[in-house]
Amino acid sequence: MLPAVLLGGLAVLVASIAVTVTIGPANLSVRDVYAVILEHWGIGSSGLTRLQDGIVWELRLPRTLLAAVCGAGLALCGAIMQSLLRNPLADPFVLGISSGASTGAVLVAVLGIGGGAISLSTGAFVGAVVAFGAVLALAAGAGGGTAKVLLAGVAGTQLFSALTSFVVMSSADAEQTRGVLFWLLGSLSGADWTDVALCGAVTVVGVTVCLAVASSLDAMTFGNSSAASLGVPVGTIRTLLLTVTALITAALVSAAGAIGFVGLVLPHAARFLVGPRHSRLLPATALIGAIFMVWVDAVARTVFAPQEIPVGVVTALIGVPAFALVLFRMGRTS
């Protein structure tokens, strides 16, 4: 049954990408989208104008693909964090990665650190990695363990959020503040094929690693002691997955900003559909996240066109009621 579900999910994802690329002021059809893709692969001719070809290939398609990659990666990281920390309310940003990325981006955009040689995305990635290292160091210094990682993540998030606010308030002008705020809320408007390639490669590698240790994750859901008694190297697996999750999240946040609630809510939807076994849960979560973000991005760029809404705002508007539902179900079952 699972292969059929995954194939169905892939078909829905491909169809969603093709349909959402056509949404907008240009007169395009799904057939036009596929024709442009085939033409750029050296197969046939689309028959479209250069402007229409550019709208599909240079603007909408990379943006839509990056949305799919971000949705898949963030949802996957949320499922991993909830399993590792045995906390249904954990998400990819619990390690302070989003706050660290925000600080790195603001230092580049507002203070001009790097003298123009460092891009905003690079600054965000470096900030995310630094924040992750600081959180792990704090957790290790406090004795390690799941609870210490969570507490260190909270402390790291507050620290880097405060640093970001201080830099913006003390150094940014009105235009810089608006640009930084838009990025902090999540934006796919600057997506290009380089972003798609880098984020896609990181996410694919991360999915592969996580699937390779899916059975160990199943064992760890019953507790570290039970997993260790079954021969699972708990410490090694935890460090590996925390690192993989941090790198995926850092790469995605550096390209698209902080997009909340995807990694918090969608793993619960996947568990409802395919159950808790990670060999099923992880690919299902990634597919649901990809499909969800493709449509969220379409809504964000078209509902108030020509003005664009940050995708993080849309995910929050959808995610908060879903999060309340999760809390309600937890209260009913406890």
C-alpha atoms as a PDB file:
ATOM      1  CA  MET A   1       0.000   0.000   0.000  1.00  0.00           C
ATOM      2  CA  LEU A   2       2.824   2.419   0.843  1.00  0.00           C
ATOM      3  CA  PRO A   3       4.362   2.444  -2.685  1.00  0.00           C
ATOM      4  CA  ALA A   4       0.938   3.267  -4.102  1.00  0.00           C
ATOM      5  CA  VAL A   5       0.523   6.120  -1.601  1.00  0.00           C
ATOM      6  CA  LEU A   6       3.979   7.512  -2.400  1.00  0.00           C
ATOM      7  CA  LEU A   7       3.434   7.251  -6.160  1.00  0.00           C
ATOM      8  CA  GLY A   8       0.098   8.981  -5.745  1.00  0.00           C
ATOM      9  CA  GLY A   9       1.757  11.697  -3.684  1.00  0.00           C
ATOM     10  CA  LEU A  10       4.449  12.202  -6.318  1.00  0.00           C
ATOM     11  CA  ALA A  11       1.809  12.474  -9.027  1.00  0.00           C
ATOM     12  CA  VAL A  12      -0.084  15.075  -6.987  1.00  0.00           C
ATOM     13  CA  LEU A  13       3.151  17.006  -6.405  1.00  0.00           C
ATOM     14  CA  VAL A  14       4.083  17.058 -10.113  1.00  0.00           C
ATOM     15  CA  ALA A  15       0.568  18.132 -11.065  1.00  0.00           C
ATOM     16  CA  SER A  16       0.550  20.811  -8.339  1.00  0.00           C
ATOM     17  CA  ILE A  17       3.832  22.273  -9.583  1.00  0.00           C
ATOM     18  CA  ALA A  18       2.580  22.381 -13.172  1.00  0.00           C
ATOM     19  CA  VAL A  19      -0.736  24.007 -12.208  1.00  0.00           C
ATOM     20  CA  THR A  20       0.667  26.599  -9.793  1.00  0.00           C
ATOM     21  CA  VAL A  21       3.266  27.746 -12.327  1.00  0.00           C
ATOM     22  CA  THR A  22       0.391  28.773 -14.617  1.00  0.00           C
ATOM     23  CA  ILE A  23      -1.282  30.885 -11.913  1.00  0.00           C
ATOM     24  CA  GLY A  24      -0.668  34.561 -12.525  1.00  0.00           C
ATOM     25  CA  PRO A  25      -1.201  37.348 -15.054  1.00  0.00           C
ATOM     26  CA  ALA A  26       0.542  35.615 -17.992  1.00  0.00           C
ATOM     27  CA  ASN A  27      -1.620  33.548 -20.316  1.00  0.00           C
ATOM     28  CA  LEU A  28      -0.108  30.101 -19.706  1.00  0.00           C
ATOM     29  CA  SER A  29      -1.427  26.561 -19.551  1.00  0.00           C
ATOM     30  CA  VAL A  30      -0.160  23.350 -17.991  1.00  0.00           C
ATOM     31  CA  ARG A  31       0.760  22.148 -21.465  1.00  0.00           C
ATOM     32  CA  ASP A  32       2.859  25.298 -21.967  1.00  0.00           C
ATOM     33  CA  VAL A  33       4.750  24.592 -18.741  1.00  0.00           C
ATOM     34  CA  TYR A  34       5.655  21.064 -19.801  1.00  0.00           C
ATOM     35  CA  ALA A  35       6.575  22.312 -23.294  1.00  0.00           C
ATOM     36  CA  VAL A  36       8.983  24.891 -21.851  1.00  0.00           C
ATOM     37  CA  ILE A  37      10.614  22.281 -19.618  1.00  0.00           C
ATOM     38  CA  LEU A  38      11.045  19.874 -22.532  1.00  0.00           C
ATOM     39  CA  GLU A  39      12.460  22.637 -24.738  1.00  0.00           C
ATOM     40  CA  HIS A  40      15.097  23.502 -22.141  1.00  0.00           C
ATOM     41  CA  TRP A  41      15.938  19.801 -21.988  1.00  0.00           C
ATOM     42  CA  GLY A  42      16.498  19.866 -25.737  1.00  0.00           C
ATOM     43  CA  ILE A  43      13.232  18.148 -26.683  1.00  0.00           C
ATOM     44  CA  GLY A  44      11.021  19.960 -29.187  1.00  0.00           C
ATOM     45  CA  SER A  45       9.915  23.594 -29.180  1.00  0.00           C
ATOM     46  CA  SER A  46       7.372  25.242 -26.890  1.00  0.00           C
ATOM     47  CA  GLY A  47       6.177  27.790 -29.453  1.00  0.00           C
ATOM     48  CA  LEU A  48       5.947  30.465 -26.740  1.00  0.00           C
ATOM     49  CA  THR A  49       7.381  33.955 -26.800  1.00  0.00           C
ATOM     50  CA  ARG A  50      10.675  34.696 -25.060  1.00  0.00           C
ATOM     51  CA  LEU A  51       8.754  36.596 -22.389  1.00  0.00           C
ATOM     52  CA  GLN A  52       6.460  33.656 -21.645  1.00  0.00           C
ATOM     53  CA  ASP A  53       9.417  31.289 -21.676  1.00  0.00           C
ATOM     54  CA  GLY A  54      11.254  33.523 -19.207  1.00  0.00           C
ATOM     55  CA  ILE A  55       8.232  33.747 -16.913  1.00  0.00           C
ATOM     56  CA  VAL A  56       8.063  29.962 -16.698  1.00  0.00           C
ATOM     57  CA  TRP A  57      11.744  29.018 -16.686  1.00  0.00           C
ATOM     58  CA  GLU A  58      13.390  31.950 -14.902  1.00  0.00           C
ATOM     59  CA  LEU A  59      10.700  33.154 -12.496  1.00  0.00           C
ATOM     60  CA  ARG A  60       7.902  30.780 -11.587  1.00  0.00           C
ATOM     61  CA  LEU A  61       9.406  27.314 -12.016  1.00  0.00           C
ATOM     62  CA  PRO A  62      12.503  27.799  -9.805  1.00  0.00           C
ATOM     63  CA  ARG A  63      10.371  29.554  -7.208  1.00  0.00           C
ATOM     64  CA  THR A  64       7.796  26.761  -7.176  1.00  0.00           C
ATOM     65  CA  LEU A  65      10.477  24.057  -7.024  1.00  0.00           C
ATOM     66  CA  LEU A  66      12.215  25.853  -4.156  1.00  0.00           C
ATOM     67  CA  ALA A  67       8.861  26.018  -2.349  1.00  0.00           C
ATOM     68  CA  ALA A  68       8.502  22.244  -2.778  1.00  0.00           C
ATOM     69  CA  VAL A  69      12.040  21.635  -1.513  1.00  0.00           C
ATOM     70  CA  CYS A  70      11.524  23.921   1.503  1.00  0.00           C
ATOM     71  CA  GLY A  71       8.236  22.252   2.375  1.00  0.00           C
ATOM     72  CA  ALA A  72       9.724  18.769   2.095  1.00  0.00           C
ATOM     73  CA  GLY A  73      12.863  19.619   4.056  1.00  0.00           C
ATOM     74  CA  LEU A  74      11.210  21.538   6.881  1.00  0.00           C
ATOM     75  CA  ALA A  75       8.460  18.941   7.315  1.00  0.00           C
ATOM     76  CA  LEU A  76      11.045  16.146   7.368  1.00  0.00           C
ATOM     77  CA  CYS A  77      13.155  17.991   9.955  1.00  0.00           C
ATOM     78  CA  GLY A  78      10.066  18.515  12.089  1.00  0.00           C
ATOM     79  CA  ALA A  79       9.305  14.800  12.070  1.00  0.00           C
ATOM     80  CA  ILE A  80      12.916  13.994  13.029  1.00  0.00           C
ATOM     81  CA  MET A  81      12.990  16.528  15.861  1.00  0.00           C
ATOM     82  CA  GLN A  82       9.675  15.328  17.287  1.00  0.00           C
ATOM     83  CA  SER A  83      10.978  11.760  17.306  1.00  0.00           C
ATOM     84  CA  LEU A  84      14.443  12.565  18.648  1.00  0.00           C
ATOM     85  CA  LEU A  85      13.172  14.804  21.440  1.00  0.00           C
ATOM     86  CA  ARG A  86      10.029  12.692  22.014  1.00  0.00           C
ATOM     87  CA  ASN A  87       8.071  15.925  21.962  1.00  0.00           C
ATOM     88  CA  PRO A  88       5.093  16.312  19.590  1.00  0.00           C
ATOM     89  CA  LEU A  89       5.451  20.097  19.718  1.00  0.00           C
ATOM     90  CA  ALA A  90       9.072  20.237  18.558  1.00  0.00           C
ATOM     91  CA  ASP A  91       9.938  21.762  15.186  1.00  0.00           C
ATOM     92  CA  PRO A  92      13.116  22.405  13.123  1.00  0.00           C
ATOM     93  CA  PHE A  93      13.645  25.803  14.748  1.00  0.00           C
ATOM     94  CA  VAL A  94      13.841  24.469  18.308  1.00  0.00           C
ATOM     95  CA  LEU A  95      17.659  24.500  18.092  1.00  0.00           C
ATOM     96  CA  GLY A  96      17.828  28.261  17.534  1.00  0.00           C
ATOM     97  CA  ILE A  97      18.724  27.826  13.861  1.00  0.00           C
ATOM     98  CA  SER A  98      16.135  30.270  12.557  1.00  0.00           C
ATOM     99  CA  SER A  99      17.181  32.977  15.017  1.00  0.00           C
ATOM    100  CA  GLY A 100      20.846  32.453  14.202  1.00  0.00           C
ATOM    101  CA  ALA A 101      20.120  32.694  10.479  1.00  0.00           C
ATOM    102  CA  SER A 102      18.193  35.902  11.060  1.00  0.00           C
ATOM    103  CA  THR A 103      21.124  37.399  12.943  1.00  0.00           C
ATOM    104  CA  GLY A 104      23.581  36.438  10.205  1.00  0.00           C
ATOM    105  CA  ALA A 105      21.342  37.864   7.492  1.00  0.00           C
ATOM    106  CA  VAL A 106      20.796  41.107   9.372  1.00  0.00           C
ATOM    107  CA  LEU A 107      24.521  41.573  10.006  1.00  0.00           C
ATOM    108  CA  VAL A 108      25.155  41.309   6.268  1.00  0.00           C
ATOM    109  CA  ALA A 109      22.146  43.341   5.092  1.00  0.00           C
ATOM    110  CA  VAL A 110      22.263  46.127   7.678  1.00  0.00           C
ATOM    111  CA  LEU A 111      25.866  46.382   8.846  1.00  0.00           C
ATOM    112  CA  GLY A 112      27.414  45.321   5.546  1.00  0.00           C
ATOM    113  CA  ILE A 113      29.691  42.722   7.121  1.00  0.00           C
ATOM    114  CA  GLY A 114      31.851  41.179   4.419  1.00  0.00           C
ATOM    115  CA  GLY A 115      32.016  44.377   2.389  1.00  0.00           C
ATOM    116  CA  GLY A 116      29.608  43.075  -0.229  1.00  0.00           C
ATOM    117  CA  ALA A 117      31.573  39.874  -0.792  1.00  0.00           C
ATOM    118  CA  ILE A 118      29.155  37.886   1.392  1.00  0.00           C
ATOM    119  CA  SER A 119      25.571  37.437   0.235  1.00  0.00           C
ATOM    120  CA  LEU A 120      22.582  37.574   2.554  1.00  0.00           C
ATOM    121  CA  SER A 121      22.030  33.831   2.097  1.00  0.00           C
ATOM    122  CA  THR A 122      25.636  33.064   3.020  1.00  0.00           C
ATOM    123  CA  GLY A 123      25.380  35.228   6.119  1.00  0.00           C
ATOM    124  CA  ALA A 124      22.172  33.485   7.111  1.00  0.00           C
ATOM    125  CA  PHE A 125      23.714  30.035   6.659  1.00  0.00           C
ATOM    126  CA  VAL A 126      26.779  30.945   8.722  1.00  0.00           C
ATOM    127  CA  GLY A 127      24.576  32.432  11.444  1.00  0.00           C
ATOM    128  CA  ALA A 128      22.437  29.293  11.548  1.00  0.00           C
ATOM    129  CA  VAL A 129      25.474  27.018  11.886  1.00  0.00           C
ATOM    130  CA  VAL A 130      26.955  29.230  14.620  1.00  0.00           C
ATOM    131  CA  ALA A 131      23.667  29.172  16.530  1.00  0.00           C
ATOM    132  CA  PHE A 132      23.443  25.387  16.242  1.00  0.00           C
ATOM    133  CA  GLY A 133      27.005  25.017  17.529  1.00  0.00           C
ATOM    134  CA  ALA A 134      26.289  27.341  20.439  1.00  0.00           C
ATOM    135  CA  VAL A 135      23.138  25.427  21.399  1.00  0.00           C
ATOM    136  CA  LEU A 136      24.920  22.059  21.271  1.00  0.00           C
ATOM    137  CA  ALA A 137      27.830  23.430  23.311  1.00  0.00           C
ATOM    138  CA  LEU A 138      25.449  24.818  25.936  1.00  0.00           C
ATOM    139  CA  ALA A 139      23.506  21.551  26.095  1.00  0.00           C
ATOM    140  CA  ALA A 140      26.714  19.507  26.401  1.00  0.00           C
ATOM    141  CA  GLY A 141      28.035  21.813  29.114  1.00  0.00           C
ATOM    142  CA  ALA A 142      24.794  21.349  31.031  1.00  0.00           C
ATOM    143  CA  GLY A 143      25.161  17.576  30.967  1.00  0.00           C
ATOM    144  CA  GLY A 144      23.436  16.654  27.694  1.00  0.00           C
ATOM    145  CA  GLY A 145      20.128  14.876  27.308  1.00  0.00           C
ATOM    146  CA  THR A 146      16.876  15.699  25.569  1.00  0.00           C
ATOM    147  CA  ALA A 147      15.644  18.198  28.146  1.00  0.00           C
ATOM    148  CA  LYS A 148      18.950  20.100  28.098  1.00  0.00           C
ATOM    149  CA  VAL A 149      18.879  20.344  24.293  1.00  0.00           C
ATOM    150  CA  LEU A 150      15.383  21.844  24.430  1.00  0.00           C
ATOM    151  CA  LEU A 151      16.340  24.329  27.133  1.00  0.00           C
ATOM    152  CA  ALA A 152      19.544  25.282  25.320  1.00  0.00           C
ATOM    153  CA  GLY A 153      17.520  25.771  22.139  1.00  0.00           C
ATOM    154  CA  VAL A 154      15.145  28.136  23.924  1.00  0.00           C
ATOM    155  CA  ALA A 155      18.084  30.113  25.317  1.00  0.00           C
ATOM    156  CA  GLY A 156      19.807  30.259  21.935  1.00  0.00           C
ATOM    157  CA  THR A 157      16.623  31.378  20.200  1.00  0.00           C
ATOM    158  CA  GLN A 158      16.119  34.216  22.662  1.00  0.00           C
ATOM    159  CA  LEU A 159      19.756  35.309  22.471  1.00  0.00           C
ATOM    160  CA  PHE A 160      19.950  35.513  18.683  1.00  0.00           C
ATOM    161  CA  SER A 161      16.482  37.053  18.407  1.00  0.00           C
ATOM    162  CA  ALA A 162      17.612  39.773  20.787  1.00  0.00           C
ATOM    163  CA  LEU A 163      20.780  40.353  18.753  1.00  0.00           C
ATOM    164  CA  THR A 164      18.737  40.622  15.560  1.00  0.00           C
ATOM    165  CA  SER A 165      16.343  43.128  17.107  1.00  0.00           C
ATOM    166  CA  PHE A 166      19.205  45.187  18.505  1.00  0.00           C
ATOM    167  CA  VAL A 167      20.986  45.450  15.157  1.00  0.00           C
ATOM    168  CA  VAL A 168      17.791  46.357  13.289  1.00  0.00           C
ATOM    169  CA  MET A 169      16.683  48.952  15.826  1.00  0.00           C
ATOM    170  CA  SER A 170      20.087  50.581  16.191  1.00  0.00           C
ATOM    171  CA  SER A 171      21.424  50.538  12.645  1.00  0.00           C
ATOM    172  CA  ALA A 172      18.750  49.967  10.010  1.00  0.00           C
ATOM    173  CA  ASP A 173      16.835  52.653   8.146  1.00  0.00           C
ATOM    174  CA  ALA A 174      13.184  52.285   7.143  1.00  0.00           C
ATOM    175  CA  GLU A 175      13.925  50.650   3.780  1.00  0.00           C
ATOM    176  CA  GLN A 176      16.389  48.165   5.283  1.00  0.00           C
ATOM    177  CA  THR A 177      13.955  47.340   8.075  1.00  0.00           C
ATOM    178  CA  ARG A 178      11.180  46.585   5.584  1.00  0.00           C
ATOM    179  CA  GLY A 179      13.450  44.354   3.493  1.00  0.00           C
ATOM    180  CA  VAL A 180      14.783  42.475   6.510  1.00  0.00           C
ATOM    181  CA  LEU A 181      11.293  42.006   7.967  1.00  0.00           C
ATOM    182  CA  PHE A 182      10.010  40.593   4.665  1.00  0.00           C
ATOM    183  CA  TRP A 183      12.895  38.107   4.579  1.00  0.00           C
ATOM    184  CA  LEU A 184      12.468  37.156   8.236  1.00  0.00           C
ATOM    185  CA  LEU A 185       8.830  36.252   7.585  1.00  0.00           C
ATOM    186  CA  GLY A 186       9.821  33.939   4.742  1.00  0.00           C
ATOM    187  CA  SER A 187      10.129  34.898   1.088  1.00  0.00           C
ATOM    188  CA  LEU A 188      10.643  32.890  -2.096  1.00  0.00           C
ATOM    189  CA  SER A 189      10.638  35.915  -4.398  1.00  0.00           C
ATOM    190  CA  GLY A 190      14.380  35.784  -5.075  1.00  0.00           C
ATOM    191  CA  ALA A 191      14.533  32.079  -5.893  1.00  0.00           C
ATOM    192  CA  ASP A 192      16.807  30.977  -8.727  1.00  0.00           C
ATOM    193  CA  TRP A 193      18.141  27.703 -10.074  1.00  0.00           C
ATOM    194  CA  THR A 194      21.236  27.891  -7.844  1.00  0.00           C
ATOM    195  CA  ASP A 195      19.022  27.961  -4.750  1.00  0.00           C
ATOM    196  CA  VAL A 196      16.990  25.046  -6.094  1.00  0.00           C
ATOM    197  CA  ALA A 197      20.110  22.971  -6.826  1.00  0.00           C
ATOM    198  CA  LEU A 198      21.824  23.619  -3.479  1.00  0.00           C
ATOM    199  CA  CYS A 199      18.739  23.229  -1.287  1.00  0.00           C
ATOM    200  CA  GLY A 200      17.549  20.253  -3.307  1.00  0.00           C
ATOM    201  CA  ALA A 201      20.892  18.466  -2.983  1.00  0.00           C
ATOM    202  CA  VAL A 202      21.067  19.078   0.774  1.00  0.00           C
ATOM    203  CA  THR A 203      17.482  17.891   1.253  1.00  0.00           C
ATOM    204  CA  VAL A 204      17.931  14.751  -0.855  1.00  0.00           C
ATOM    205  CA  VAL A 205      21.072  13.797   1.069  1.00  0.00           C
ATOM    206  CA  GLY A 206      19.293  14.481   4.347  1.00  0.00           C
ATOM    207  CA  VAL A 207      16.284  12.369   3.386  1.00  0.00           C
ATOM    208  CA  THR A 208      18.600   9.525   2.379  1.00  0.00           C
ATOM    209  CA  VAL A 209      20.485   9.628   5.685  1.00  0.00           C
ATOM    210  CA  CYS A 210      17.273   9.786   7.723  1.00  0.00           C
ATOM    211  CA  LEU A 211      15.716   6.870   5.854  1.00  0.00           C
ATOM    212  CA  ALA A 212      18.883   4.833   6.413  1.00  0.00           C
ATOM    213  CA  VAL A 213      18.423   5.093  10.196  1.00  0.00           C
ATOM    214  CA  ALA A 214      14.610   4.855  10.215  1.00  0.00           C
ATOM    215  CA  SER A 215      14.639   1.583  12.148  1.00  0.00           C
ATOM    216  CA  SER A 216      16.872   3.143  14.807  1.00  0.00           C
ATOM    217  CA  LEU A 217      14.433   6.039  15.123  1.00  0.00           C
ATOM    218  CA  ASP A 218      11.608   3.537  15.645  1.00  0.00           C
ATOM    219  CA  ALA A 219      13.555   1.999  18.518  1.00  0.00           C
ATOM    220  CA  MET A 220      14.412   5.389  20.048  1.00  0.00           C
ATOM    221  CA  THR A 221      10.757   6.389  20.298  1.00  0.00           C
ATOM    222  CA  PHE A 222      10.466   3.897  23.187  1.00  0.00           C
ATOM    223  CA  GLY A 223      13.318   5.569  25.054  1.00  0.00           C
ATOM    224  CA  ASN A 224      17.086   5.642  24.833  1.00  0.00           C
ATOM    225  CA  SER A 225      17.550   2.768  27.250  1.00  0.00           C
ATOM    226  CA  SER A 226      15.257   0.492  25.261  1.00  0.00           C
ATOM    227  CA  ALA A 227      16.995   1.463  22.025  1.00  0.00           C
ATOM    228  CA  ALA A 228      20.446   0.831  23.517  1.00  0.00           C
ATOM    229  CA  SER A 229      19.352  -2.606  24.713  1.00  0.00           C
ATOM    230  CA  LEU A 230      18.504  -3.421  21.086  1.00  0.00           C
ATOM    231  CA  GLY A 231      22.009  -2.483  19.975  1.00  0.00           C
ATOM    232  CA  VAL A 232      21.234   1.005  18.655  1.00  0.00           C
ATOM    233  CA  PRO A 233      24.166   3.467  19.092  1.00  0.00           C
ATOM    234  CA  VAL A 234      21.903   6.118  20.578  1.00  0.00           C
ATOM    235  CA  GLY A 235      24.501   8.854  21.016  1.00  0.00           C
ATOM    236  CA  THR A 236      25.861   8.490  17.488  1.00  0.00           C
ATOM    237  CA  ILE A 237      22.422   8.391  15.879  1.00  0.00           C
ATOM    238  CA  ARG A 238      21.229  11.405  17.868  1.00  0.00           C
ATOM    239  CA  THR A 239      24.305  13.475  16.964  1.00  0.00           C
ATOM    240  CA  LEU A 240      24.053  12.458  13.306  1.00  0.00           C
ATOM    241  CA  LEU A 241      20.373  13.348  13.011  1.00  0.00           C
ATOM    242  CA  LEU A 242      20.715  16.616  14.918  1.00  0.00           C
ATOM    243  CA  THR A 243      23.535  17.622  12.584  1.00  0.00           C
ATOM    244  CA  VAL A 244      21.650  16.594   9.440  1.00  0.00           C
ATOM    245  CA  THR A 245      18.511  18.376  10.614  1.00  0.00           C
ATOM    246  CA  ALA A 246      20.476  21.514  11.433  1.00  0.00           C
ATOM    247  CA  LEU A 247      22.213  21.587   8.036  1.00  0.00           C
ATOM    248  CA  ILE A 248      18.975  21.072   6.106  1.00  0.00           C
ATOM    249  CA  THR A 249      17.200  23.763   8.107  1.00  0.00           C
ATOM    250  CA  ALA A 250      20.144  26.161   7.800  1.00  0.00           C
ATOM    251  CA  ALA A 251      20.278  25.722   4.020  1.00  0.00           C
ATOM    252  CA  LEU A 252      16.533  26.219   3.598  1.00  0.00           C
ATOM    253  CA  VAL A 253      16.310  29.202   5.927  1.00  0.00           C
ATOM    254  CA  SER A 254      19.281  30.867   4.234  1.00  0.00           C
ATOM    255  CA  ALA A 255      17.470  30.616   0.879  1.00  0.00           C
ATOM    256  CA  ALA A 256      13.879  31.368   1.893  1.00  0.00           C
ATOM    257  CA  GLY A 257      13.873  32.866   5.381  1.00  0.00           C
ATOM    258  CA  ALA A 258      12.048  31.547   8.417  1.00  0.00           C
ATOM    259  CA  ILE A 259       8.894  29.657   7.376  1.00  0.00           C
ATOM    260  CA  GLY A 260       7.138  28.535  10.520  1.00  0.00           C
ATOM    261  CA  PHE A 261       4.615  25.818  11.365  1.00  0.00           C
ATOM    262  CA  VAL A 262       5.514  23.564   8.404  1.00  0.00           C
ATOM    263  CA  GLY A 263       7.747  21.333  10.516  1.00  0.00           C
ATOM    264  CA  LEU A 264       5.440  21.548  13.515  1.00  0.00           C
ATOM    265  CA  VAL A 265       2.059  20.593  12.036  1.00  0.00           C
ATOM    266  CA  LEU A 266       2.628  18.515   8.893  1.00  0.00           C
ATOM    267  CA  PRO A 267       4.366  15.557  10.614  1.00  0.00           C
ATOM    268  CA  HIS A 268       1.152  15.049  12.587  1.00  0.00           C
ATOM    269  CA  ALA A 269      -0.860  14.946   9.355  1.00  0.00           C
ATOM    270  CA  ALA A 270       1.551  12.357   7.960  1.00  0.00           C
ATOM    271  CA  ARG A 271       1.289  10.207  11.108  1.00  0.00           C
ATOM    272  CA  PHE A 272      -2.479  10.288  10.783  1.00  0.00           C
ATOM    273  CA  LEU A 273      -2.243   9.019   7.185  1.00  0.00           C
ATOM    274  CA  VAL A 274       0.558   6.414   7.316  1.00  0.00           C
ATOM    275  CA  GLY A 275       1.207   5.705  10.996  1.00  0.00           C
ATOM    276  CA  PRO A 276       4.284   6.248  13.187  1.00  0.00           C
ATOM    277  CA  ARG A 277       6.822   3.910  11.522  1.00  0.00           C
ATOM    278  CA  HIS A 278       9.590   6.119  10.205  1.00  0.00           C
ATOM    279  CA  SER A 279      10.185   4.165   7.000  1.00  0.00           C
ATOM    280  CA  ARG A 280       6.684   5.316   6.019  1.00  0.00           C
ATOM    281  CA  LEU A 281       6.433   8.523   7.996  1.00  0.00           C
ATOM    282  CA  LEU A 282       9.515  10.299   6.635  1.00  0.00           C
ATOM    283  CA  PRO A 283       8.797  10.060   2.882  1.00  0.00           C
ATOM    284  CA  ALA A 284       5.101  10.776   3.452  1.00  0.00           C
ATOM    285  CA  THR A 285       5.945  13.844   5.545  1.00  0.00           C
ATOM    286  CA  ALA A 286       8.323  15.156   2.876  1.00  0.00           C
ATOM    287  CA  LEU A 287       5.704  14.739   0.137  1.00  0.00           C
ATOM    288  CA  ILE A 288       2.944  16.397   2.161  1.00  0.00           C
ATOM    289  CA  GLY A 289       5.275  19.268   3.019  1.00  0.00           C
ATOM    290  CA  ALA A 290       6.257  19.765  -0.617  1.00  0.00           C
ATOM    291  CA  ILE A 291       2.652  19.792  -1.865  1.00  0.00           C
ATOM    292  CA  PHE A 292       1.569  22.099   0.958  1.00  0.00           C
ATOM    293  CA  MET A 293       4.294  24.676   0.323  1.00  0.00           C
ATOM    294  CA  VAL A 294       3.726  24.725  -3.447  1.00  0.00           C
ATOM    295  CA  TRP A 295       0.132  25.814  -2.908  1.00  0.00           C
ATOM    296  CA  VAL A 296       0.996  28.169  -0.037  1.00  0.00           C
ATOM    297  CA  ASP A 297       3.460  29.978  -2.284  1.00  0.00           C
ATOM    298  CA  ALA A 298       0.836  30.248  -5.035  1.00  0.00           C
ATOM    299  CA  VAL A 299      -1.549  31.845  -2.540  1.00  0.00           C
ATOM    300  CA  ALA A 300       1.139  34.168  -1.174  1.00  0.00           C
ATOM    301  CA  ARG A 301       2.032  35.632  -4.568  1.00  0.00           C
ATOM    302  CA  THR A 302      -1.458  35.914  -6.085  1.00  0.00           C
ATOM    303  CA  VAL A 303      -4.128  36.678  -3.477  1.00  0.00           C
ATOM    304  CA  PHE A 304      -3.160  40.354  -3.125  1.00  0.00           C
ATOM    305  CA  ALA A 305      -1.315  40.676  -6.447  1.00  0.00           C
ATOM    306  CA  PRO A 306       0.666  42.664  -7.408  1.00  0.00           C
ATOM    307  CA  GLN A 307       1.615  42.890  -3.728  1.00  0.00           C
ATOM    308  CA  GLU A 308       3.123  39.699  -2.330  1.00  0.00           C
ATOM    309  CA  ILE A 309       2.527  38.221   1.119  1.00  0.00           C
ATOM    310  CA  PRO A 310       5.479  36.573   2.903  1.00  0.00           C
ATOM    311  CA  VAL A 311       4.932  32.815   2.817  1.00  0.00           C
ATOM    312  CA  GLY A 312       5.610  32.616   6.554  1.00  0.00           C
ATOM    313  CA  VAL A 313       2.496  34.704   7.161  1.00  0.00           C
ATOM    314  CA  VAL A 314       0.344  32.298   5.151  1.00  0.00           C
ATOM    315  CA  THR A 315       1.786  29.216   6.866  1.00  0.00           C
ATOM    316  CA  ALA A 316       1.138  30.835  10.250  1.00  0.00           C
ATOM    317  CA  LEU A 317      -2.467  31.654   9.356  1.00  0.00           C
ATOM    318  CA  ILE A 318      -2.996  28.020   8.386  1.00  0.00           C
ATOM    319  CA  GLY A 319      -0.715  26.514  11.014  1.00  0.00           C
ATOM    320  CA  VAL A 320      -2.076  28.209  14.135  1.00  0.00           C
ATOM    321  CA  PRO A 321      -5.569  26.635  13.868  1.00  0.00           C
ATOM    322  CA  ALA A 322      -3.973  23.282  13.002  1.00  0.00           C
ATOM    323  CA  PHE A 323      -1.643  23.637  15.982  1.00  0.00           C
ATOM    324  CA  ALA A 324      -4.632  24.388  18.226  1.00  0.00           C
ATOM    325  CA  LEU A 325      -6.276  21.224  16.927  1.00  0.00           C
ATOM    326  CA  VAL A 326      -3.154  19.202  17.781  1.00  0.00           C
ATOM    327  CA  LEU A 327      -3.174  20.629  21.315  1.00  0.00           C
ATOM    328  CA  PHE A 328      -6.884  19.850  21.644  1.00  0.00           C
ATOM    329  CA  ARG A 329      -6.347  16.219  20.564  1.00  0.00           C
ATOM    330  CA  MET A 330      -3.401  15.856  22.952  1.00  0.00           C
ATOM    331  CA  GLY A 331      -5.593  17.112  25.788  1.00  0.00           C
ATOM    332  CA  ARG A 332      -8.378  14.680  24.893  1.00  0.00           C
ATOM    333  CA  THR A 333      -6.041  11.671  24.757  1.00  0.00           C
ATOM    334  CA  SER A 334      -3.955  12.436  27.859  1.00  0.00           C
END
